[in-house]
Amino acid sequence: MSMMKRAVRLSVVVGVGCAALFAMAPASADVARHQILTLQYDEVSYSLGAGGGQAYPQSFTLTFNPCDGTVSGPGVVPGYGPSLTQGTINGPLLSYTSTYAVEAGYTVTVNNAVVLNDYSFSGLWSDNYSAGPQSGVVVSDIPDVTSTAYRNHGDFVSKNPDKNDAAHSCIGMPIGK
């Protein structure tokens, strides 16, 4: 066999081998993927009245699930104890309800507060206080933000105890897919 034919055969074998290796390569890690965010707000101030009267600060940690836009998490209100917040983020708007131990069934509701790029937010709040509903302005500080770092959807599913539930999640999947 001539040297030229050997070189051609070797090139074909190497080319087929490389193609097989590239086909088995994992998905690119530099693709933006859905991740769970944790937002730690050290101060969220509720002021009475539209003019920003007396402020009632609290803190809370919200976990944001980008698959369905929900947020939820515990908090603390000085003088009243623990709180629980649940809501949604829809684009740049945050809506939530927080429950407190002020009195049985007491809640504070925020509808369509504007969320900035740094995840701070501001808007209007109202409550269901038995002595008469109150309302005012709510403003947050810039939260500490942490994110999961799943390499892909399979990584997320493999690390969750409820594999069936995790398999239906968008966490770890490419954004926009």
N, C-alpha and C. Protein backbone atom coordinates (compact mmCIF):
# COMPACT_ATOMS: atom_id res chain seq x y z
N MET A 1 0.86 -1.16 0.00
CA MET A 1 0.00 0.00 0.00
C MET A 1 0.90 1.23 0.00
N SER A 2 0.54 2.17 -0.82
CA SER A 2 1.39 3.36 -0.94
C SER A 2 1.24 4.24 0.29
N MET A 3 2.22 5.07 0.49
CA MET A 3 2.23 5.98 1.62
C MET A 3 1.03 6.92 1.56
N MET A 4 0.62 7.32 0.38
CA MET A 4 -0.51 8.23 0.21
C MET A 4 -1.80 7.57 0.66
N LYS A 5 -2.03 6.28 0.27
CA LYS A 5 -3.24 5.56 0.67
C LYS A 5 -3.28 5.37 2.19
N ARG A 6 -2.11 5.08 2.80
CA ARG A 6 -2.06 4.93 4.25
C ARG A 6 -2.42 6.23 4.96
N ALA A 7 -1.92 7.33 4.46
CA ALA A 7 -2.21 8.63 5.05
C ALA A 7 -3.71 8.95 4.95
N VAL A 8 -4.33 8.62 3.82
CA VAL A 8 -5.76 8.87 3.63
C VAL A 8 -6.56 7.99 4.59
N ARG A 9 -6.23 6.69 4.69
CA ARG A 9 -6.94 5.79 5.60
C ARG A 9 -6.79 6.25 7.04
N LEU A 10 -5.59 6.63 7.44
CA LEU A 10 -5.35 7.09 8.79
C LEU A 10 -6.16 8.35 9.07
N SER A 11 -6.24 9.26 8.12
CA SER A 11 -7.02 10.48 8.28
C SER A 11 -8.49 10.18 8.46
N VAL A 12 -9.01 9.22 7.68
CA VAL A 12 -10.42 8.84 7.79
C VAL A 12 -10.69 8.21 9.15
N VAL A 13 -9.84 7.30 9.61
CA VAL A 13 -10.01 6.65 10.90
C VAL A 13 -9.96 7.67 12.03
N VAL A 14 -8.99 8.57 12.00
CA VAL A 14 -8.87 9.60 13.03
C VAL A 14 -10.09 10.52 12.99
N GLY A 15 -10.55 10.90 11.80
CA GLY A 15 -11.73 11.77 11.67
C GLY A 15 -12.97 11.12 12.23
N VAL A 16 -13.21 9.84 11.94
CA VAL A 16 -14.38 9.12 12.47
C VAL A 16 -14.27 9.01 13.99
N GLY A 17 -13.08 8.70 14.50
CA GLY A 17 -12.88 8.60 15.95
C GLY A 17 -13.14 9.92 16.65
N CYS A 18 -12.67 11.03 16.09
CA CYS A 18 -12.90 12.35 16.68
C CYS A 18 -14.39 12.70 16.66
N ALA A 19 -15.07 12.38 15.58
CA ALA A 19 -16.50 12.67 15.49
C ALA A 19 -17.26 11.91 16.57
N ALA A 20 -16.88 10.66 16.84
CA ALA A 20 -17.54 9.88 17.89
C ALA A 20 -17.28 10.48 19.26
N LEU A 21 -16.06 10.94 19.51
CA LEU A 21 -15.75 11.57 20.79
C LEU A 21 -16.53 12.86 20.98
N PHE A 22 -16.62 13.69 19.96
CA PHE A 22 -17.34 14.96 20.07
C PHE A 22 -18.83 14.73 20.29
N ALA A 23 -19.40 13.68 19.70
CA ALA A 23 -20.81 13.39 19.87
C ALA A 23 -21.13 12.99 21.31
N MET A 24 -20.16 12.41 22.03
CA MET A 24 -20.38 11.98 23.40
C MET A 24 -20.02 13.06 24.42
N ALA A 25 -19.51 14.17 23.99
CA ALA A 25 -19.10 15.23 24.91
C ALA A 25 -20.33 15.80 25.62
N PRO A 26 -20.21 16.15 26.91
CA PRO A 26 -21.35 16.71 27.64
C PRO A 26 -21.72 18.08 27.10
N ALA A 27 -22.93 18.51 27.45
CA ALA A 27 -23.40 19.83 27.03
C ALA A 27 -22.45 20.90 27.57
N SER A 28 -22.34 21.96 26.86
CA SER A 28 -21.45 23.05 27.24
C SER A 28 -21.86 23.64 28.58
N ALA A 29 -20.90 23.83 29.46
CA ALA A 29 -21.17 24.37 30.80
C ALA A 29 -21.38 25.88 30.76
N ASP A 30 -21.02 26.54 29.67
CA ASP A 30 -21.16 27.99 29.63
C ASP A 30 -22.51 28.44 29.08
N VAL A 31 -23.47 27.53 29.00
CA VAL A 31 -24.83 27.87 28.61
C VAL A 31 -25.56 28.36 29.86
N ALA A 32 -26.27 29.48 29.76
CA ALA A 32 -27.04 29.99 30.90
C ALA A 32 -28.14 29.00 31.23
N ARG A 33 -28.25 28.65 32.52
CA ARG A 33 -29.23 27.64 32.95
C ARG A 33 -30.07 28.18 34.10
N HIS A 34 -31.31 27.68 34.21
CA HIS A 34 -32.19 28.06 35.31
C HIS A 34 -31.58 27.58 36.62
N GLN A 35 -31.54 28.47 37.61
CA GLN A 35 -31.01 28.15 38.93
C GLN A 35 -31.97 28.70 39.99
N ILE A 36 -31.91 28.14 41.17
CA ILE A 36 -32.72 28.63 42.29
C ILE A 36 -31.94 29.75 42.97
N LEU A 37 -32.60 30.89 43.20
CA LEU A 37 -31.98 32.02 43.88
C LEU A 37 -32.49 32.11 45.31
N THR A 38 -31.59 32.46 46.23
CA THR A 38 -31.97 32.76 47.60
C THR A 38 -31.64 34.23 47.83
N LEU A 39 -32.65 34.99 48.25
CA LEU A 39 -32.54 36.43 48.45
C LEU A 39 -32.68 36.72 49.94
N GLN A 40 -31.59 37.15 50.60
CA GLN A 40 -31.61 37.46 52.03
C GLN A 40 -31.75 38.97 52.22
N TYR A 41 -32.94 39.40 52.60
CA TYR A 41 -33.21 40.81 52.85
C TYR A 41 -33.01 41.08 54.34
N ASP A 42 -32.01 41.91 54.68
CA ASP A 42 -31.78 42.25 56.08
C ASP A 42 -32.77 43.29 56.58
N GLU A 43 -33.31 44.10 55.65
CA GLU A 43 -34.33 45.06 56.07
C GLU A 43 -35.33 45.31 54.96
N VAL A 44 -36.58 45.08 55.30
CA VAL A 44 -37.71 45.45 54.47
C VAL A 44 -38.56 46.34 55.36
N SER A 45 -38.69 47.63 55.01
CA SER A 45 -39.38 48.59 55.86
C SER A 45 -40.78 48.90 55.33
N TYR A 46 -41.74 48.75 56.22
CA TYR A 46 -43.13 49.10 55.93
C TYR A 46 -43.42 50.41 56.64
N SER A 47 -43.71 51.46 55.88
CA SER A 47 -44.03 52.76 56.46
C SER A 47 -45.52 53.01 56.35
N LEU A 48 -46.11 53.55 57.42
CA LEU A 48 -47.53 53.87 57.41
C LEU A 48 -47.79 55.10 56.55
N GLY A 49 -48.81 55.05 55.72
CA GLY A 49 -49.20 56.19 54.90
C GLY A 49 -48.33 56.33 53.67
N ALA A 50 -48.86 57.06 52.71
CA ALA A 50 -48.17 57.26 51.43
C ALA A 50 -46.93 58.12 51.57
N GLY A 51 -46.87 58.95 52.61
CA GLY A 51 -45.75 59.85 52.79
C GLY A 51 -44.58 59.23 53.52
N GLY A 52 -44.67 57.95 53.86
CA GLY A 52 -43.55 57.29 54.53
C GLY A 52 -43.47 57.64 55.98
N GLY A 53 -44.55 57.41 56.74
CA GLY A 53 -44.57 57.66 58.18
C GLY A 53 -43.66 56.71 58.92
N GLN A 54 -44.06 56.37 60.16
CA GLN A 54 -43.26 55.48 61.00
C GLN A 54 -42.98 54.17 60.27
N ALA A 55 -41.71 53.74 60.30
CA ALA A 55 -41.31 52.52 59.61
C ALA A 55 -41.35 51.33 60.56
N TYR A 56 -41.78 50.19 60.03
CA TYR A 56 -41.79 48.92 60.75
C TYR A 56 -40.91 47.95 59.97
N PRO A 57 -39.63 47.83 60.36
CA PRO A 57 -38.71 46.97 59.62
C PRO A 57 -38.88 45.49 59.96
N GLN A 58 -38.53 44.65 59.03
CA GLN A 58 -38.45 43.21 59.23
C GLN A 58 -37.35 42.68 58.35
N SER A 59 -37.03 41.42 58.51
CA SER A 59 -36.08 40.77 57.61
C SER A 59 -36.71 39.48 57.13
N PHE A 60 -36.35 39.05 55.93
CA PHE A 60 -36.78 37.74 55.47
C PHE A 60 -35.87 37.21 54.39
N THR A 61 -35.95 35.90 54.21
CA THR A 61 -35.19 35.21 53.18
C THR A 61 -36.20 34.60 52.22
N LEU A 62 -36.09 34.96 50.95
CA LEU A 62 -36.99 34.42 49.94
C LEU A 62 -36.22 33.49 49.02
N THR A 63 -36.81 32.36 48.74
CA THR A 63 -36.26 31.43 47.76
C THR A 63 -37.09 31.58 46.49
N PHE A 64 -36.42 31.90 45.38
CA PHE A 64 -37.09 32.14 44.10
C PHE A 64 -36.92 30.94 43.19
N ASN A 65 -38.05 30.39 42.74
CA ASN A 65 -38.06 29.28 41.80
C ASN A 65 -38.40 29.84 40.42
N PRO A 66 -37.45 29.88 39.49
CA PRO A 66 -37.71 30.48 38.18
C PRO A 66 -38.66 29.65 37.30
N CYS A 67 -38.90 28.40 37.66
CA CYS A 67 -39.77 27.54 36.85
C CYS A 67 -41.21 28.02 36.90
N ASP A 68 -41.66 28.45 38.08
CA ASP A 68 -43.04 28.90 38.21
C ASP A 68 -43.15 30.34 38.74
N GLY A 69 -42.02 30.98 38.99
CA GLY A 69 -42.02 32.38 39.44
C GLY A 69 -42.37 32.57 40.90
N THR A 70 -42.40 31.49 41.69
CA THR A 70 -42.80 31.63 43.09
C THR A 70 -41.63 32.01 43.99
N VAL A 71 -41.97 32.73 45.06
CA VAL A 71 -41.03 33.04 46.14
C VAL A 71 -41.68 32.64 47.45
N SER A 72 -40.87 32.19 48.39
CA SER A 72 -41.38 31.88 49.71
C SER A 72 -40.23 31.83 50.68
N GLY A 73 -40.55 32.06 51.95
CA GLY A 73 -39.51 31.95 52.96
C GLY A 73 -39.89 32.56 54.28
N PRO A 74 -39.07 32.26 55.29
CA PRO A 74 -39.31 32.75 56.64
C PRO A 74 -38.70 34.12 56.86
N GLY A 75 -39.19 34.79 57.90
CA GLY A 75 -38.65 36.09 58.27
C GLY A 75 -38.82 36.32 59.76
N VAL A 76 -38.39 37.50 60.20
CA VAL A 76 -38.51 37.89 61.59
C VAL A 76 -38.95 39.35 61.65
N VAL A 77 -39.94 39.60 62.50
CA VAL A 77 -40.42 40.96 62.74
C VAL A 77 -40.10 41.30 64.19
N PRO A 78 -39.20 42.29 64.41
CA PRO A 78 -38.86 42.64 65.79
C PRO A 78 -40.11 42.97 66.60
N GLY A 79 -40.23 42.35 67.77
CA GLY A 79 -41.36 42.59 68.65
C GLY A 79 -42.56 41.69 68.38
N TYR A 80 -42.58 41.04 67.21
CA TYR A 80 -43.71 40.18 66.87
C TYR A 80 -43.30 38.75 66.56
N GLY A 81 -42.04 38.51 66.30
CA GLY A 81 -41.56 37.16 66.06
C GLY A 81 -41.50 36.76 64.60
N PRO A 82 -41.68 35.46 64.36
CA PRO A 82 -41.50 34.95 62.99
C PRO A 82 -42.61 35.35 62.03
N SER A 83 -42.26 35.36 60.76
CA SER A 83 -43.23 35.62 59.69
C SER A 83 -43.00 34.59 58.60
N LEU A 84 -43.97 34.46 57.73
CA LEU A 84 -43.85 33.58 56.58
C LEU A 84 -44.34 34.36 55.37
N THR A 85 -43.54 34.39 54.32
CA THR A 85 -43.87 35.15 53.12
C THR A 85 -43.99 34.20 51.94
N GLN A 86 -45.05 34.40 51.13
CA GLN A 86 -45.26 33.61 49.92
C GLN A 86 -45.79 34.53 48.83
N GLY A 87 -45.28 34.34 47.60
CA GLY A 87 -45.75 35.18 46.50
C GLY A 87 -45.16 34.78 45.17
N THR A 88 -45.11 35.76 44.26
CA THR A 88 -44.61 35.52 42.91
C THR A 88 -43.80 36.71 42.42
N ILE A 89 -42.88 36.41 41.51
CA ILE A 89 -42.19 37.45 40.75
C ILE A 89 -42.60 37.24 39.30
N ASN A 90 -43.14 38.28 38.70
CA ASN A 90 -43.57 38.21 37.31
C ASN A 90 -42.90 39.36 36.57
N GLY A 91 -41.82 39.04 35.85
CA GLY A 91 -41.03 40.10 35.20
C GLY A 91 -40.42 40.97 36.29
N PRO A 92 -40.63 42.29 36.22
CA PRO A 92 -40.05 43.18 37.23
C PRO A 92 -40.99 43.44 38.41
N LEU A 93 -42.05 42.64 38.57
CA LEU A 93 -43.04 42.89 39.62
C LEU A 93 -43.08 41.77 40.65
N LEU A 94 -43.09 42.15 41.92
CA LEU A 94 -43.15 41.23 43.04
C LEU A 94 -44.47 41.42 43.76
N SER A 95 -45.19 40.33 43.98
CA SER A 95 -46.42 40.35 44.78
C SER A 95 -46.29 39.27 45.83
N TYR A 96 -46.65 39.59 47.09
CA TYR A 96 -46.55 38.59 48.14
C TYR A 96 -47.48 38.90 49.30
N THR A 97 -47.68 37.88 50.12
CA THR A 97 -48.43 38.01 51.37
C THR A 97 -47.55 37.48 52.47
N SER A 98 -47.44 38.24 53.56
CA SER A 98 -46.70 37.80 54.73
C SER A 98 -47.67 37.63 55.89
N THR A 99 -47.50 36.56 56.64
CA THR A 99 -48.32 36.33 57.83
C THR A 99 -47.46 36.58 59.06
N TYR A 100 -48.08 37.18 60.09
CA TYR A 100 -47.39 37.55 61.32
C TYR A 100 -48.21 37.13 62.53
N ALA A 101 -47.56 37.10 63.69
CA ALA A 101 -48.24 36.78 64.94
C ALA A 101 -48.76 38.03 65.64
N VAL A 102 -49.12 39.06 64.87
CA VAL A 102 -49.68 40.28 65.45
C VAL A 102 -51.01 39.96 66.11
N GLU A 103 -51.86 39.22 65.38
CA GLU A 103 -53.14 38.72 65.85
C GLU A 103 -53.55 37.57 64.93
N ALA A 104 -54.50 36.78 65.32
CA ALA A 104 -54.92 35.63 64.52
C ALA A 104 -55.33 36.07 63.11
N GLY A 105 -54.73 35.43 62.09
CA GLY A 105 -55.10 35.71 60.71
C GLY A 105 -54.52 36.98 60.11
N TYR A 106 -53.63 37.67 60.84
CA TYR A 106 -53.08 38.93 60.34
C TYR A 106 -52.15 38.71 59.15
N THR A 107 -52.34 39.47 58.09
CA THR A 107 -51.48 39.40 56.91
C THR A 107 -51.18 40.80 56.39
N VAL A 108 -50.04 40.89 55.73
CA VAL A 108 -49.67 42.09 54.98
C VAL A 108 -49.52 41.65 53.53
N THR A 109 -50.12 42.43 52.62
CA THR A 109 -50.08 42.10 51.20
C THR A 109 -49.38 43.20 50.43
N VAL A 110 -48.49 42.80 49.53
CA VAL A 110 -47.81 43.72 48.62
C VAL A 110 -48.15 43.26 47.21
N ASN A 111 -48.68 44.16 46.40
CA ASN A 111 -49.03 43.83 45.02
C ASN A 111 -48.22 44.67 44.05
N ASN A 112 -47.52 44.00 43.17
CA ASN A 112 -46.79 44.64 42.07
C ASN A 112 -45.74 45.65 42.51
N ALA A 113 -44.97 45.29 43.54
CA ALA A 113 -43.81 46.12 43.89
C ALA A 113 -42.80 45.99 42.76
N VAL A 114 -42.10 47.06 42.48
CA VAL A 114 -41.12 47.06 41.39
C VAL A 114 -39.79 46.52 41.90
N VAL A 115 -39.29 45.47 41.21
CA VAL A 115 -38.01 44.86 41.57
C VAL A 115 -36.95 45.42 40.62
N LEU A 116 -35.88 45.94 41.19
CA LEU A 116 -34.78 46.48 40.39
C LEU A 116 -33.78 45.38 40.06
N ASN A 117 -32.81 45.69 39.21
CA ASN A 117 -31.79 44.71 38.80
C ASN A 117 -30.99 44.15 39.97
N ASP A 118 -30.88 44.89 41.07
CA ASP A 118 -30.14 44.42 42.24
C ASP A 118 -31.03 43.64 43.21
N TYR A 119 -32.28 43.38 42.82
CA TYR A 119 -33.30 42.64 43.58
C TYR A 119 -33.87 43.42 44.76
N SER A 120 -33.52 44.69 44.91
CA SER A 120 -34.23 45.51 45.88
C SER A 120 -35.60 45.81 45.28
N PHE A 121 -36.54 46.20 46.13
CA PHE A 121 -37.88 46.48 45.61
C PHE A 121 -38.56 47.57 46.41
N SER A 122 -39.56 48.18 45.81
CA SER A 122 -40.39 49.17 46.50
C SER A 122 -41.79 49.12 45.91
N GLY A 123 -42.76 49.48 46.74
CA GLY A 123 -44.15 49.46 46.30
C GLY A 123 -45.08 49.85 47.42
N LEU A 124 -46.32 49.39 47.33
CA LEU A 124 -47.34 49.71 48.32
C LEU A 124 -47.78 48.44 49.03
N TRP A 125 -48.14 48.58 50.31
CA TRP A 125 -48.61 47.45 51.10
C TRP A 125 -49.95 47.79 51.74
N SER A 126 -50.67 46.75 52.11
CA SER A 126 -51.91 46.91 52.88
C SER A 126 -52.03 45.71 53.81
N ASP A 127 -52.84 45.86 54.88
CA ASP A 127 -53.02 44.75 55.81
C ASP A 127 -54.50 44.56 56.13
N ASN A 128 -54.77 43.61 57.00
CA ASN A 128 -56.14 43.32 57.41
C ASN A 128 -56.28 43.45 58.94
N TYR A 129 -55.63 44.45 59.50
CA TYR A 129 -55.64 44.66 60.95
C TYR A 129 -57.08 44.83 61.44
N SER A 130 -57.41 44.13 62.54
CA SER A 130 -58.79 44.13 63.03
C SER A 130 -59.26 45.49 63.51
N ALA A 131 -58.35 46.36 63.97
CA ALA A 131 -58.73 47.70 64.42
C ALA A 131 -58.94 48.65 63.24
N GLY A 132 -58.72 48.16 62.03
CA GLY A 132 -58.88 48.97 60.82
C GLY A 132 -57.72 48.74 59.89
N PRO A 133 -58.01 48.47 58.63
CA PRO A 133 -56.94 48.22 57.66
C PRO A 133 -55.97 49.40 57.58
N GLN A 134 -54.71 49.06 57.38
CA GLN A 134 -53.66 50.06 57.25
C GLN A 134 -52.99 49.86 55.90
N SER A 135 -52.26 50.87 55.46
CA SER A 135 -51.52 50.77 54.20
C SER A 135 -50.37 51.75 54.23
N GLY A 136 -49.49 51.59 53.24
CA GLY A 136 -48.35 52.49 53.17
C GLY A 136 -47.37 52.06 52.10
N VAL A 137 -46.12 52.44 52.33
CA VAL A 137 -45.04 52.21 51.37
C VAL A 137 -44.11 51.14 51.93
N VAL A 138 -43.64 50.24 51.06
CA VAL A 138 -42.66 49.24 51.45
C VAL A 138 -41.40 49.45 50.60
N VAL A 139 -40.24 49.39 51.26
CA VAL A 139 -38.95 49.55 50.57
C VAL A 139 -37.98 48.53 51.17
N SER A 140 -37.26 47.84 50.30
CA SER A 140 -36.27 46.87 50.79
C SER A 140 -34.86 47.38 50.59
N ASP A 141 -33.93 46.75 51.32
CA ASP A 141 -32.52 46.97 51.05
C ASP A 141 -32.11 46.07 49.88
N ILE A 142 -30.86 46.15 49.48
CA ILE A 142 -30.34 45.26 48.45
C ILE A 142 -30.01 43.94 49.15
N PRO A 143 -30.60 42.83 48.70
CA PRO A 143 -30.38 41.57 49.40
C PRO A 143 -29.03 40.93 49.05
N ASP A 144 -28.61 40.03 49.93
CA ASP A 144 -27.51 39.12 49.60
C ASP A 144 -28.13 38.03 48.74
N VAL A 145 -27.56 37.79 47.57
CA VAL A 145 -28.13 36.83 46.63
C VAL A 145 -27.17 35.66 46.47
N THR A 146 -27.69 34.45 46.65
CA THR A 146 -26.92 33.25 46.35
C THR A 146 -27.70 32.43 45.34
N SER A 147 -26.99 31.68 44.56
CA SER A 147 -27.60 30.88 43.50
C SER A 147 -27.07 29.46 43.54
N THR A 148 -27.92 28.52 43.15
CA THR A 148 -27.44 27.17 42.95
C THR A 148 -26.54 27.18 41.72
N ALA A 149 -25.81 26.11 41.49
CA ALA A 149 -24.91 26.05 40.34
C ALA A 149 -24.96 24.67 39.69
N TYR A 150 -26.17 24.23 39.37
CA TYR A 150 -26.31 22.92 38.73
C TYR A 150 -25.76 22.99 37.31
N ARG A 151 -24.92 22.01 36.95
CA ARG A 151 -24.28 21.98 35.62
C ARG A 151 -25.30 21.74 34.52
N ASN A 152 -26.34 20.97 34.84
CA ASN A 152 -27.39 20.68 33.87
C ASN A 152 -28.57 20.10 34.64
N HIS A 153 -29.64 19.76 33.92
CA HIS A 153 -30.84 19.25 34.57
C HIS A 153 -30.59 17.91 35.26
N GLY A 154 -29.79 17.06 34.64
CA GLY A 154 -29.46 15.77 35.24
C GLY A 154 -28.75 15.92 36.57
N ASP A 155 -27.88 16.91 36.67
CA ASP A 155 -27.17 17.20 37.92
C ASP A 155 -28.18 17.57 39.01
N PHE A 156 -29.16 18.40 38.67
CA PHE A 156 -30.20 18.80 39.62
C PHE A 156 -31.01 17.58 40.07
N VAL A 157 -31.46 16.77 39.12
CA VAL A 157 -32.29 15.61 39.44
C VAL A 157 -31.52 14.62 40.31
N SER A 158 -30.25 14.36 39.97
CA SER A 158 -29.47 13.38 40.72
C SER A 158 -29.22 13.80 42.16
N LYS A 159 -29.24 15.09 42.45
CA LYS A 159 -28.96 15.58 43.80
C LYS A 159 -30.21 15.81 44.63
N ASN A 160 -31.39 15.47 44.10
CA ASN A 160 -32.64 15.67 44.83
C ASN A 160 -33.22 14.34 45.29
N PRO A 161 -33.72 14.30 46.53
CA PRO A 161 -34.29 13.05 47.04
C PRO A 161 -35.57 12.64 46.31
N ASP A 162 -36.38 13.61 45.86
CA ASP A 162 -37.61 13.30 45.13
C ASP A 162 -37.32 13.43 43.64
N LYS A 163 -36.77 12.38 43.07
CA LYS A 163 -36.35 12.39 41.66
C LYS A 163 -37.50 12.69 40.71
N ASN A 164 -38.69 12.15 40.98
CA ASN A 164 -39.83 12.36 40.10
C ASN A 164 -40.22 13.84 40.06
N ASP A 165 -40.29 14.47 41.23
CA ASP A 165 -40.63 15.89 41.28
C ASP A 165 -39.54 16.72 40.60
N ALA A 166 -38.27 16.40 40.89
CA ALA A 166 -37.15 17.13 40.31
C ALA A 166 -37.11 16.99 38.79
N ALA A 167 -37.50 15.83 38.28
CA ALA A 167 -37.47 15.60 36.83
C ALA A 167 -38.42 16.53 36.09
N HIS A 168 -39.45 17.02 36.75
CA HIS A 168 -40.44 17.90 36.11
C HIS A 168 -40.08 19.38 36.28
N SER A 169 -38.99 19.67 36.91
CA SER A 169 -38.55 21.04 37.15
C SER A 169 -37.73 21.56 35.96
N CYS A 170 -37.61 22.88 35.86
CA CYS A 170 -36.77 23.47 34.83
C CYS A 170 -35.34 23.74 35.33
N ILE A 171 -35.07 23.50 36.62
CA ILE A 171 -33.76 23.81 37.19
C ILE A 171 -32.68 23.00 36.46
N GLY A 172 -31.64 23.71 36.04
CA GLY A 172 -30.53 23.10 35.33
C GLY A 172 -30.71 23.08 33.82
N MET A 173 -31.92 23.37 33.35
CA MET A 173 -32.16 23.39 31.90
C MET A 173 -31.71 24.72 31.32
N PRO A 174 -31.30 24.72 30.06
CA PRO A 174 -30.89 25.99 29.43
C PRO A 174 -32.03 27.01 29.46
N ILE A 175 -31.70 28.26 29.70
CA ILE A 175 -32.70 29.34 29.69
C ILE A 175 -33.13 29.57 28.24
N GLY A 176 -34.43 29.73 28.06
CA GLY A 176 -34.96 30.00 26.73
C GLY A 176 -35.29 28.74 25.97
N LYS A 177 -35.18 27.60 26.60
CA LYS A 177 -35.50 26.32 25.92
C LYS A 177 -36.83 25.82 26.41
